[in-house]
Amino acid sequence: MKIQRKGGESMATTNTKVVRLSFATEGGKTFSITIPTPREDLNQAEVLAVMNTIVSSNVFLTTSGALTGIRDIKVIGTVTDDLFDPPQA
């Protein structure tokens, strides 16, 4: 998306989303996995099922030990306004 700035210059705006899955570890720490561009129709039940499978499969071993449970699920949206585009050579 391009937005006109005062003086006729254009500014690019970018919207991005990620889903961050946070797990508890044996050492009492948090281990997170960030996945870019999640589906718009993502729901809590689906994500919890995947996270429970990750924990029970024991596929990740962190510096703080194995994953022991689910801590948090967040869908994070970011809007970036690019105020300067360097001249093209």
Protein backbone atom coordinates (compact mmCIF):
# COMPACT_ATOMS: atom_id res chain seq x y z
CA MET A 1 0.00 0.00 0.00
CA LYS A 2 1.34 3.46 -0.88
CA ILE A 3 0.28 6.60 1.00
CA GLN A 4 0.91 10.11 -0.33
CA ARG A 5 2.95 12.34 1.94
CA LYS A 6 2.85 16.09 1.89
CA GLY A 7 4.80 17.23 -1.16
CA GLY A 8 3.71 14.31 -3.36
CA GLU A 9 6.19 11.72 -2.07
CA SER A 10 4.85 8.26 -1.33
CA MET A 11 5.31 6.22 1.84
CA ALA A 12 5.01 2.42 1.91
CA THR A 13 2.99 0.82 4.71
CA THR A 14 3.48 -2.88 5.45
CA ASN A 15 1.22 -5.00 7.68
CA THR A 16 2.67 -8.26 8.99
CA LYS A 17 1.42 -10.92 11.41
CA VAL A 18 3.11 -13.72 13.31
CA VAL A 19 1.85 -16.27 15.81
CA ARG A 20 4.09 -16.82 18.85
CA LEU A 21 3.77 -20.12 20.72
CA SER A 22 5.30 -20.05 24.21
CA PHE A 23 6.08 -23.17 26.24
CA ALA A 24 7.26 -23.86 29.80
CA THR A 25 10.51 -25.79 30.19
CA GLU A 26 11.82 -28.16 32.87
CA GLY A 27 14.09 -25.40 34.16
CA GLY A 28 11.19 -23.00 34.69
CA LYS A 29 12.03 -20.85 31.66
CA THR A 30 9.97 -19.95 28.58
CA PHE A 31 10.74 -21.26 25.09
CA SER A 32 8.98 -19.58 22.15
CA ILE A 33 8.44 -20.45 18.51
CA THR A 34 7.43 -17.66 16.12
CA ILE A 35 5.62 -18.59 12.91
CA PRO A 36 5.17 -15.97 10.17
CA THR A 37 1.96 -15.32 8.23
CA PRO A 38 -0.59 -17.36 10.22
CA ARG A 39 -3.91 -18.30 8.63
CA GLU A 40 -6.65 -15.72 9.20
CA ASP A 41 -9.05 -18.42 10.46
CA LEU A 42 -6.63 -19.83 13.06
CA ASN A 43 -8.41 -20.80 16.27
CA GLN A 44 -7.38 -21.60 19.82
CA ALA A 45 -8.40 -25.29 19.70
CA GLU A 46 -6.20 -25.97 16.65
CA VAL A 47 -3.20 -24.21 18.14
CA LEU A 48 -3.56 -25.94 21.51
CA ALA A 49 -3.72 -29.34 19.78
CA VAL A 50 -0.50 -28.61 17.87
CA MET A 51 1.24 -27.30 20.98
CA ASN A 52 0.21 -30.36 23.02
CA THR A 53 1.61 -32.58 20.24
CA ILE A 54 4.89 -30.65 20.31
CA VAL A 55 5.16 -31.06 24.11
CA SER A 56 4.25 -34.77 24.10
CA SER A 57 6.55 -35.55 21.15
CA ASN A 58 9.55 -34.14 23.02
CA VAL A 59 11.05 -32.85 19.75
CA PHE A 60 12.68 -29.75 21.27
CA LEU A 61 15.39 -29.82 23.91
CA THR A 62 16.25 -26.34 25.12
CA THR A 63 19.15 -25.13 27.26
CA SER A 64 16.58 -25.12 30.08
CA GLY A 65 15.47 -28.72 29.45
CA ALA A 66 12.52 -30.33 27.71
CA LEU A 67 9.19 -28.60 27.13
CA THR A 68 6.72 -29.34 29.91
CA GLY A 69 3.61 -27.35 29.04
CA ILE A 70 1.92 -24.47 27.29
CA ARG A 71 2.48 -20.91 28.52
CA ASP A 72 0.91 -18.59 25.95
CA ILE A 73 -0.36 -18.09 22.39
CA LYS A 74 -0.26 -14.68 20.74
CA VAL A 75 -1.06 -13.43 17.25
CA ILE A 76 1.04 -10.30 16.84
CA GLY A 77 0.35 -7.71 14.15
CA THR A 78 2.88 -5.07 13.13
CA VAL A 79 2.37 -2.00 10.95
CA THR A 80 5.53 -0.51 9.45
CA ASP A 81 5.60 2.88 7.73
CA ASP A 82 8.65 3.21 5.51
CA LEU A 83 9.40 6.92 5.64
CA PHE A 84 12.45 6.89 3.38
CA ASP A 85 13.33 5.00 0.23
CA PRO A 86 16.96 5.49 -0.81
CA PRO A 87 17.49 6.63 -4.41
CA GLN A 88 17.96 3.81 -6.90
CA ALA A 89 21.36 3.77 -8.65
